[in-house]
N, C-alpha and C. Protein backbone atom coordinates (compact mmCIF):
# COMPACT_ATOMS: atom_id res chain seq x y z
N MET A 1 25.75 4.09 11.49
CA MET A 1 25.01 2.98 11.20
C MET A 1 24.29 2.62 9.94
N VAL A 2 24.70 1.50 9.30
CA VAL A 2 23.99 1.40 8.12
C VAL A 2 22.58 1.31 8.19
N ASN A 3 21.78 1.93 7.23
CA ASN A 3 19.96 1.78 7.45
C ASN A 3 19.93 0.59 6.57
N SER A 4 19.76 -0.60 7.35
CA SER A 4 19.59 -1.78 6.62
C SER A 4 18.07 -2.01 6.56
N ARG A 5 17.59 -2.80 5.35
CA ARG A 5 16.43 -3.28 5.19
C ARG A 5 15.55 -4.21 6.26
N LEU A 6 14.30 -3.91 6.54
CA LEU A 6 13.38 -4.44 7.12
C LEU A 6 13.34 -6.07 6.49
N SER A 7 13.44 -6.65 7.73
CA SER A 7 13.33 -8.28 7.32
C SER A 7 12.04 -8.77 7.36
N LEU A 8 11.59 -9.65 6.72
CA LEU A 8 10.32 -10.02 6.52
C LEU A 8 9.60 -10.46 7.77
N PRO A 9 10.20 -10.59 9.21
CA PRO A 9 9.29 -10.62 10.39
C PRO A 9 8.82 -9.09 10.47
N GLU A 10 10.09 -8.22 10.42
CA GLU A 10 10.00 -7.02 10.82
C GLU A 10 8.87 -6.50 10.40
N VAL A 11 8.74 -6.73 8.81
CA VAL A 11 7.58 -5.89 8.23
C VAL A 11 6.27 -6.94 8.41
N GLU A 12 6.10 -8.29 8.73
CA GLU A 12 4.79 -8.45 9.16
C GLU A 12 4.41 -7.61 10.82
N ALA A 13 5.44 -7.59 11.77
CA ALA A 13 5.10 -7.05 13.04
C ALA A 13 4.67 -5.77 12.67
N LEU A 14 5.34 -5.22 11.61
CA LEU A 14 5.03 -3.41 11.45
C LEU A 14 3.49 -3.57 11.04
N ALA A 15 3.47 -4.23 10.18
CA ALA A 15 1.85 -4.16 9.43
C ALA A 15 0.88 -4.61 10.43
N ARG A 16 1.20 -5.48 11.69
CA ARG A 16 0.52 -5.94 12.50
C ARG A 16 0.07 -5.02 13.15
N ARG A 17 0.94 -3.95 13.28
CA ARG A 17 0.86 -2.90 14.72
C ARG A 17 -0.22 -1.61 13.99
N ALA A 18 0.39 -1.24 12.55
CA ALA A 18 -0.24 -0.44 11.69
C ALA A 18 -1.85 -0.78 11.73
N HIS A 19 -1.91 -2.00 11.50
CA HIS A 19 -3.61 -2.32 11.22
C HIS A 19 -4.37 -2.74 12.36
N ALA A 20 -3.30 -2.66 13.59
CA ALA A 20 -4.19 -3.21 15.04
C ALA A 20 -5.52 -3.08 15.08
N THR A 21 -6.13 -1.91 14.87
CA THR A 21 -7.35 -1.27 15.47
C THR A 21 -8.27 -1.46 14.28
N GLN A 22 -7.87 -1.90 13.12
CA GLN A 22 -8.79 -2.14 12.07
C GLN A 22 -9.46 -3.64 12.18
N THR A 23 -10.89 -3.60 11.46
CA THR A 23 -11.39 -5.03 11.41
C THR A 23 -11.89 -4.92 9.86
N ASP A 24 -12.16 -6.12 9.23
CA ASP A 24 -12.97 -6.16 7.63
C ASP A 24 -14.28 -6.02 7.99
N LYS A 25 -14.80 -5.68 6.94
CA LYS A 25 -16.26 -5.94 6.72
C LYS A 25 -17.27 -6.61 7.57
N ALA A 26 -16.49 -7.88 7.76
CA ALA A 26 -17.28 -9.02 8.57
C ALA A 26 -17.00 -8.93 10.06
N GLY A 27 -16.19 -7.80 10.21
CA GLY A 27 -15.86 -7.46 11.75
C GLY A 27 -14.73 -8.42 12.27
N GLN A 28 -14.15 -9.15 11.81
CA GLN A 28 -12.75 -9.68 11.93
C GLN A 28 -11.77 -8.97 12.10
N PRO A 29 -10.41 -8.83 12.77
CA PRO A 29 -9.09 -8.40 12.95
C PRO A 29 -8.66 -8.15 11.37
N TYR A 30 -8.36 -6.84 10.87
CA TYR A 30 -8.02 -7.19 9.44
C TYR A 30 -6.66 -7.85 8.98
N THR A 31 -5.82 -7.84 10.27
CA THR A 31 -4.49 -8.54 10.12
C THR A 31 -4.58 -9.78 9.80
N VAL A 32 -5.86 -10.63 9.98
CA VAL A 32 -6.22 -11.97 9.59
C VAL A 32 -6.08 -11.72 7.95
N HIS A 33 -6.66 -10.92 7.36
CA HIS A 33 -6.73 -10.65 6.07
C HIS A 33 -5.42 -10.67 5.62
N LEU A 34 -4.59 -9.50 6.30
CA LEU A 34 -2.81 -9.38 5.80
C LEU A 34 -2.24 -10.87 5.81
N ALA A 35 -2.59 -11.68 6.85
CA ALA A 35 -2.05 -12.84 7.02
C ALA A 35 -2.24 -13.78 5.98
N ALA A 36 -3.59 -13.87 5.43
CA ALA A 36 -4.00 -14.76 4.36
C ALA A 36 -3.30 -14.47 3.05
N VAL A 37 -3.38 -12.87 2.94
CA VAL A 37 -2.72 -12.87 1.55
C VAL A 37 -1.00 -13.00 1.41
N ALA A 38 -0.48 -12.78 2.67
CA ALA A 38 0.78 -13.07 2.70
C ALA A 38 1.03 -14.48 2.49
N GLU A 39 -0.15 -15.03 3.17
CA GLU A 39 0.27 -17.11 2.95
C GLU A 39 -0.04 -17.43 1.40
N GLY A 40 -1.07 -16.98 0.94
CA GLY A 40 -1.27 -16.84 -0.09
C GLY A 40 -0.28 -16.70 -1.28
N VAL A 41 0.14 -15.62 -1.07
CA VAL A 41 1.58 -15.51 -2.13
C VAL A 41 2.83 -16.31 -1.79
N ALA A 42 3.06 -16.49 -0.30
CA ALA A 42 3.96 -17.83 -0.14
C ALA A 42 3.42 -19.04 -1.04
N VAL A 43 2.41 -19.53 -0.88
CA VAL A 43 2.06 -20.78 -1.44
C VAL A 43 1.59 -20.62 -3.00
N ARG A 44 1.96 -19.45 -3.60
CA ARG A 44 1.85 -19.45 -4.83
C ARG A 44 3.40 -19.09 -5.57
N GLY A 45 4.49 -19.40 -4.54
CA GLY A 45 5.56 -19.16 -5.00
C GLY A 45 6.32 -17.83 -4.76
N GLY A 46 5.52 -16.50 -4.38
CA GLY A 46 6.05 -15.49 -4.33
C GLY A 46 7.42 -15.62 -3.64
N THR A 47 8.17 -14.21 -3.79
CA THR A 47 9.50 -14.09 -3.57
C THR A 47 9.36 -13.48 -1.74
N ASP A 48 10.33 -13.20 -1.19
CA ASP A 48 10.01 -12.60 0.31
C ASP A 48 9.75 -11.11 0.00
N GLU A 49 10.26 -10.18 -1.06
CA GLU A 49 9.92 -9.03 -1.67
C GLU A 49 8.12 -8.88 -1.61
N GLN A 50 7.72 -10.23 -2.35
CA GLN A 50 6.32 -9.88 -2.81
C GLN A 50 5.50 -10.44 -1.45
N ILE A 51 6.05 -11.05 -0.32
CA ILE A 51 5.34 -11.59 0.56
C ILE A 51 5.31 -10.09 1.89
N ALA A 52 6.62 -9.65 1.71
CA ALA A 52 6.34 -8.13 2.52
C ALA A 52 5.54 -7.34 1.80
N ALA A 53 5.42 -7.08 0.45
CA ALA A 53 4.55 -6.04 -0.25
C ALA A 53 3.12 -7.03 0.37
N ALA A 54 2.88 -7.88 0.29
CA ALA A 54 1.18 -8.55 0.88
C ALA A 54 0.99 -8.18 2.28
N TRP A 55 2.37 -8.01 2.87
CA TRP A 55 1.68 -7.82 4.31
C TRP A 55 1.33 -5.99 4.28
N LEU A 56 2.12 -5.53 3.48
CA LEU A 56 1.62 -3.88 3.77
C LEU A 56 0.78 -3.54 2.33
N HIS A 57 0.06 -4.51 1.84
CA HIS A 57 -0.43 -4.35 0.34
C HIS A 57 -1.73 -3.01 0.68
N ASP A 58 -2.35 -2.90 1.91
CA ASP A 58 -3.51 -2.24 1.89
C ASP A 58 -3.23 -0.99 2.80
N ALA A 59 -1.83 -0.97 3.63
CA ALA A 59 -1.30 -0.15 4.41
C ALA A 59 -1.43 1.37 3.99
N VAL A 60 -1.13 1.88 2.92
CA VAL A 60 -1.36 3.31 2.18
C VAL A 60 -3.02 3.38 2.00
N GLU A 61 -3.55 2.71 1.63
CA GLU A 61 -5.00 2.78 1.26
C GLU A 61 -5.65 3.02 2.52
N ASP A 62 -5.51 1.98 3.23
CA ASP A 62 -6.13 2.23 4.46
C ASP A 62 -5.75 3.32 5.52
N GLY A 63 -4.87 4.31 5.15
CA GLY A 63 -4.08 4.98 6.18
C GLY A 63 -3.71 4.46 7.41
N ALA A 64 -3.30 3.06 7.45
CA ALA A 64 -2.35 2.83 8.18
C ALA A 64 -1.18 3.23 8.36
N LEU A 65 -0.69 3.51 7.32
CA LEU A 65 0.94 3.94 6.75
C LEU A 65 0.71 5.41 5.96
N SER A 66 1.55 6.09 6.20
CA SER A 66 1.23 7.24 4.95
C SER A 66 2.28 6.70 3.68
N ALA A 67 1.86 7.26 2.59
CA ALA A 67 2.49 7.26 1.40
C ALA A 67 4.18 7.57 1.59
N ALA A 68 4.14 9.01 2.09
CA ALA A 68 5.45 9.28 2.73
C ALA A 68 6.64 8.65 3.62
N TRP A 69 5.88 7.79 4.30
CA TRP A 69 6.25 6.69 5.40
C TRP A 69 6.96 5.75 4.29
N LEU A 70 6.13 4.93 3.54
CA LEU A 70 6.45 3.97 2.47
C LEU A 70 7.90 4.43 1.90
N GLU A 71 7.47 5.69 1.46
CA GLU A 71 8.66 6.09 0.45
C GLU A 71 9.97 6.05 0.99
N GLU A 72 10.00 6.49 2.38
CA GLU A 72 11.53 6.73 2.92
C GLU A 72 11.68 5.53 3.70
N ALA A 73 10.81 4.35 3.97
CA ALA A 73 10.76 3.22 4.71
C ALA A 73 12.06 2.33 3.90
N PRO A 74 12.75 1.68 5.41
CA PRO A 74 13.85 0.61 4.66
C PRO A 74 13.60 -0.34 4.05
N LEU A 75 12.70 -0.29 2.82
CA LEU A 75 12.32 -1.28 1.96
C LEU A 75 12.94 -1.43 0.84
N SER A 76 13.17 -2.07 -0.07
CA SER A 76 13.55 -2.53 -1.35
C SER A 76 12.41 -1.50 -2.28
N ARG A 77 13.05 -1.33 -3.48
CA ARG A 77 12.29 0.01 -4.31
C ARG A 77 11.25 -1.16 -4.98
N ALA A 78 11.55 -2.32 -5.04
CA ALA A 78 10.58 -3.43 -5.39
C ALA A 78 9.21 -3.44 -4.52
N VAL A 79 9.39 -3.66 -3.40
CA VAL A 79 8.45 -4.00 -2.16
C VAL A 79 7.58 -2.45 -2.41
N LYS A 80 8.15 -1.47 -2.36
CA LYS A 80 7.52 -0.07 -2.52
C LYS A 80 6.63 0.15 -3.41
N ASP A 81 7.38 -0.49 -4.81
CA ASP A 81 6.53 -0.21 -5.94
C ASP A 81 5.47 -1.11 -6.11
N MET A 82 5.44 -2.63 -5.80
CA MET A 82 4.40 -3.08 -5.54
C MET A 82 3.37 -2.82 -4.61
N VAL A 83 3.54 -1.89 -3.59
CA VAL A 83 2.46 -1.92 -2.72
C VAL A 83 2.30 -0.86 -3.24
N PHE A 84 2.32 0.52 -3.88
CA PHE A 84 1.96 1.51 -4.47
C PHE A 84 1.11 1.22 -5.51
N ALA A 85 1.75 -0.07 -6.29
CA ALA A 85 0.71 -0.33 -7.36
C ALA A 85 -0.68 -1.09 -6.71
N MET A 86 -0.71 -1.41 -5.60
CA MET A 86 -1.65 -2.04 -5.04
C MET A 86 -2.93 -1.14 -4.39
N THR A 87 -1.99 -0.18 -4.17
CA THR A 87 -2.84 1.04 -3.57
C THR A 87 -3.90 1.88 -4.39
N LYS A 88 -5.57 1.59 -4.61
CA LYS A 88 -6.30 2.12 -5.23
C LYS A 88 -6.32 3.74 -4.95
N ARG A 89 -6.34 4.52 -6.03
CA ARG A 89 -6.64 5.70 -5.99
C ARG A 89 -8.01 6.22 -5.72
N THR A 90 -8.54 7.07 -5.32
CA THR A 90 -9.96 7.90 -5.12
C THR A 90 -10.31 7.80 -6.54
N GLY A 91 -11.39 7.39 -7.07
CA GLY A 91 -12.26 7.87 -8.48
C GLY A 91 -11.54 7.36 -9.29
N GLU A 92 -10.50 6.14 -9.06
CA GLU A 92 -9.66 5.59 -9.96
C GLU A 92 -10.59 4.36 -10.74
N SER A 93 -10.54 3.88 -12.33
CA SER A 93 -11.51 2.76 -12.88
C SER A 93 -10.76 1.68 -12.34
N PRO A 94 -11.43 0.84 -12.44
CA PRO A 94 -11.13 -0.53 -12.33
C PRO A 94 -10.00 -0.99 -13.29
N GLU A 95 -10.22 -0.48 -14.66
CA GLU A 95 -9.45 -0.77 -15.87
C GLU A 95 -7.61 -0.12 -15.48
N SER A 96 -7.97 1.12 -14.64
CA SER A 96 -6.64 1.83 -14.65
C SER A 96 -5.86 1.13 -13.39
N TYR A 97 -6.95 0.72 -12.68
CA TYR A 97 -6.13 0.19 -11.24
C TYR A 97 -5.63 -1.21 -12.06
N ALA A 98 -6.17 -1.96 -12.85
CA ALA A 98 -5.89 -3.53 -13.08
C ALA A 98 -4.56 -2.89 -13.85
N ALA A 99 -4.22 -1.92 -15.08
CA ALA A 99 -3.24 -1.74 -15.53
C ALA A 99 -1.94 -1.53 -14.66
N ARG A 100 -2.06 -0.46 -13.96
CA ARG A 100 -0.99 -0.06 -13.18
C ARG A 100 -0.55 -1.59 -12.25
N ILE A 101 -1.55 -2.26 -11.67
CA ILE A 101 -0.97 -3.68 -11.07
C ILE A 101 0.43 -4.71 -12.32
N LEU A 102 -0.77 -4.62 -13.51
CA LEU A 102 0.09 -5.45 -14.68
C LEU A 102 1.51 -4.72 -14.81
N ALA A 103 1.53 -3.47 -14.70
CA ALA A 103 2.73 -2.89 -15.08
C ALA A 103 3.70 -2.97 -14.17
N VAL A 104 3.63 -3.33 -12.90
CA VAL A 104 4.63 -3.66 -11.72
C VAL A 104 5.11 -4.98 -11.62
N PRO A 105 6.32 -5.30 -11.76
CA PRO A 105 6.49 -6.91 -11.77
C PRO A 105 6.37 -7.24 -10.23
N GLY A 106 5.56 -8.56 -9.92
CA GLY A 106 5.22 -8.99 -8.97
C GLY A 106 3.93 -8.69 -8.17
N ALA A 107 3.42 -7.63 -8.60
CA ALA A 107 2.05 -6.90 -8.07
C ALA A 107 1.28 -7.94 -8.58
N ARG A 108 0.73 -8.54 -9.72
CA ARG A 108 -0.48 -9.34 -10.01
C ARG A 108 -0.56 -10.30 -9.20
N LEU A 109 0.69 -11.20 -8.84
CA LEU A 109 0.60 -12.24 -7.80
C LEU A 109 -0.08 -11.59 -6.45
N ILE A 110 0.36 -10.59 -5.84
CA ILE A 110 -0.23 -10.03 -4.41
C ILE A 110 -1.81 -9.91 -4.92
N LYS A 111 -1.99 -9.15 -5.87
CA LYS A 111 -3.40 -8.83 -6.31
C LYS A 111 -4.48 -10.47 -6.57
N GLU A 112 -3.88 -11.24 -6.78
CA GLU A 112 -4.22 -12.58 -7.10
C GLU A 112 -4.64 -13.18 -5.47
N ALA A 113 -3.49 -13.12 -4.92
CA ALA A 113 -3.72 -14.00 -3.55
C ALA A 113 -4.88 -12.98 -2.61
N ASP A 114 -4.82 -11.50 -3.05
CA ASP A 114 -5.71 -10.75 -2.24
C ASP A 114 -7.31 -11.08 -2.76
N LEU A 115 -7.25 -11.35 -4.07
CA LEU A 115 -8.52 -11.49 -4.84
C LEU A 115 -9.18 -12.76 -4.05
N ALA A 116 -8.07 -13.90 -4.26
CA ALA A 116 -8.54 -14.95 -3.45
C ALA A 116 -9.02 -14.99 -2.35
N HIS A 117 -8.38 -14.16 -1.10
CA HIS A 117 -8.75 -14.22 -0.08
C HIS A 117 -10.37 -13.65 0.13
N ASN A 118 -10.26 -12.43 -0.54
CA ASN A 118 -11.52 -11.71 -0.38
C ASN A 118 -12.83 -12.44 -0.78
N ALA A 119 -12.64 -13.33 -1.89
CA ALA A 119 -13.77 -13.85 -2.53
C ALA A 119 -13.99 -15.11 -2.12
N ASP A 120 -13.28 -15.49 -0.92
CA ASP A 120 -13.38 -16.72 -0.08
C ASP A 120 -14.90 -16.92 0.22
N PRO A 121 -15.86 -18.00 0.02
CA PRO A 121 -16.95 -18.12 0.33
C PRO A 121 -17.56 -17.86 1.93
N GLY A 122 -16.37 -18.74 2.79
CA GLY A 122 -16.85 -18.26 4.08
C GLY A 122 -16.73 -17.04 4.36
N ARG A 123 -15.68 -16.40 3.72
CA ARG A 123 -15.49 -14.76 4.03
C ARG A 123 -16.95 -13.91 3.94
N LEU A 124 -17.15 -14.41 2.45
CA LEU A 124 -18.20 -13.49 1.92
C LEU A 124 -19.80 -13.97 2.65
N ALA A 125 -19.77 -15.05 3.18
CA ALA A 125 -20.90 -15.54 3.88
C ALA A 125 -21.20 -15.06 4.90
N VAL A 126 -21.01 -14.13 5.59
CA VAL A 126 -21.34 -13.78 6.51
C VAL A 126 -21.62 -12.10 6.55
N LEU A 127 -21.58 -11.80 5.24
CA LEU A 127 -21.92 -10.46 4.80
C LEU A 127 -23.52 -10.67 4.13
N ASP A 128 -24.14 -9.21 4.18
CA ASP A 128 -25.52 -9.34 3.83
C ASP A 128 -25.52 -9.40 2.29
N GLU A 129 -26.72 -10.11 2.14
CA GLU A 129 -26.79 -10.58 0.10
C GLU A 129 -26.35 -9.66 -0.77
N PRO A 130 -26.91 -8.05 -0.55
CA PRO A 130 -26.68 -7.30 -1.78
C PRO A 130 -24.93 -7.07 -1.51
N THR A 131 -24.47 -6.69 -0.46
CA THR A 131 -22.70 -6.40 0.02
C THR A 131 -21.94 -7.94 -0.92
N ARG A 132 -22.51 -9.08 -0.99
CA ARG A 132 -21.87 -10.40 -0.97
C ARG A 132 -22.06 -10.14 -2.67
N GLU A 133 -22.99 -9.95 -3.02
CA GLU A 133 -23.28 -10.01 -4.72
C GLU A 133 -22.44 -9.11 -5.46
N ARG A 134 -22.58 -7.82 -4.86
CA ARG A 134 -21.39 -6.38 -5.05
C ARG A 134 -20.29 -7.01 -5.09
N LEU A 135 -19.63 -7.41 -4.32
CA LEU A 135 -18.16 -7.81 -3.90
C LEU A 135 -17.73 -8.94 -4.80
N THR A 136 -18.59 -9.91 -4.95
CA THR A 136 -18.64 -11.13 -6.01
C THR A 136 -18.20 -11.04 -7.31
N ALA A 137 -19.27 -9.95 -7.38
CA ALA A 137 -18.98 -9.31 -9.26
C ALA A 137 -17.89 -8.27 -9.36
N LYS A 138 -17.47 -7.75 -8.19
CA LYS A 138 -16.25 -6.57 -8.33
C LYS A 138 -14.92 -7.58 -8.45
N TYR A 139 -15.15 -8.86 -7.67
CA TYR A 139 -13.82 -9.69 -7.66
C TYR A 139 -13.64 -10.16 -9.02
N ALA A 140 -14.60 -10.60 -9.52
CA ALA A 140 -14.72 -11.37 -10.58
C ALA A 140 -14.17 -10.34 -11.82
N ARG A 141 -14.71 -9.15 -11.89
CA ARG A 141 -14.15 -8.28 -12.97
C ARG A 141 -12.82 -7.90 -12.62
N MET A 142 -12.14 -7.87 -11.68
CA MET A 142 -10.70 -7.64 -10.98
C MET A 142 -9.93 -9.20 -11.78
N ARG A 143 -10.44 -9.73 -11.58
CA ARG A 143 -9.65 -11.01 -11.98
C ARG A 143 -9.68 -11.10 -13.72
N GLU A 144 -10.40 -10.86 -14.31
CA GLU A 144 -11.09 -10.93 -15.70
C GLU A 144 -9.91 -9.65 -16.18
N LEU A 145 -9.99 -8.46 -15.72
CA LEU A 145 -8.97 -7.54 -15.90
C LEU A 145 -7.51 -7.99 -16.06
N LEU A 146 -7.07 -8.38 -14.91
CA LEU A 146 -5.89 -9.22 -14.75
C LEU A 146 -5.33 -10.30 -15.44
N GLY A 147 -6.42 -10.86 -16.36
CA GLY A 147 -6.04 -12.08 -16.85
C GLY A 147 -5.97 -13.65 -16.17
N LEU A 148 -6.95 -13.58 -14.70
CA LEU A 148 -6.79 -14.42 -14.03
C LEU A 148 -7.75 -15.27 -14.09
N GLY A 149 -8.63 -15.28 -15.06
CA GLY A 149 -9.51 -16.39 -15.61
C GLY A 149 -10.70 -16.39 -14.82
């Protein structure tokens, strides 16, 4: 049998299963964030590969899927590269992280959608003020480093 690539609905289902037990800082199911980022990529004109990478963008970083699994997964090299670009590394500076995102075709759009959802005022409103202020500054700095204004 030919090892065909995962379809977009299969990637979504996989991401939903992989993150099923995780919640965000506000206690919401983490899959809500993944869906919002994937939708954000779609409305910004992203490709199916970018949407697939959006569904998986935090999977390795959050330990939902391993880097080894991703490397062997039936996904295009472009999807894998975008997910790896989006995966923050321990001790990595924001500048290094942004440079890697900018170096990988398609990754910047995913990060733009990720930052848009992360910085959503409604999402931030449920956090305590110090956390809200810290994250707002962090997201603004990353937008600056990525040239997103």
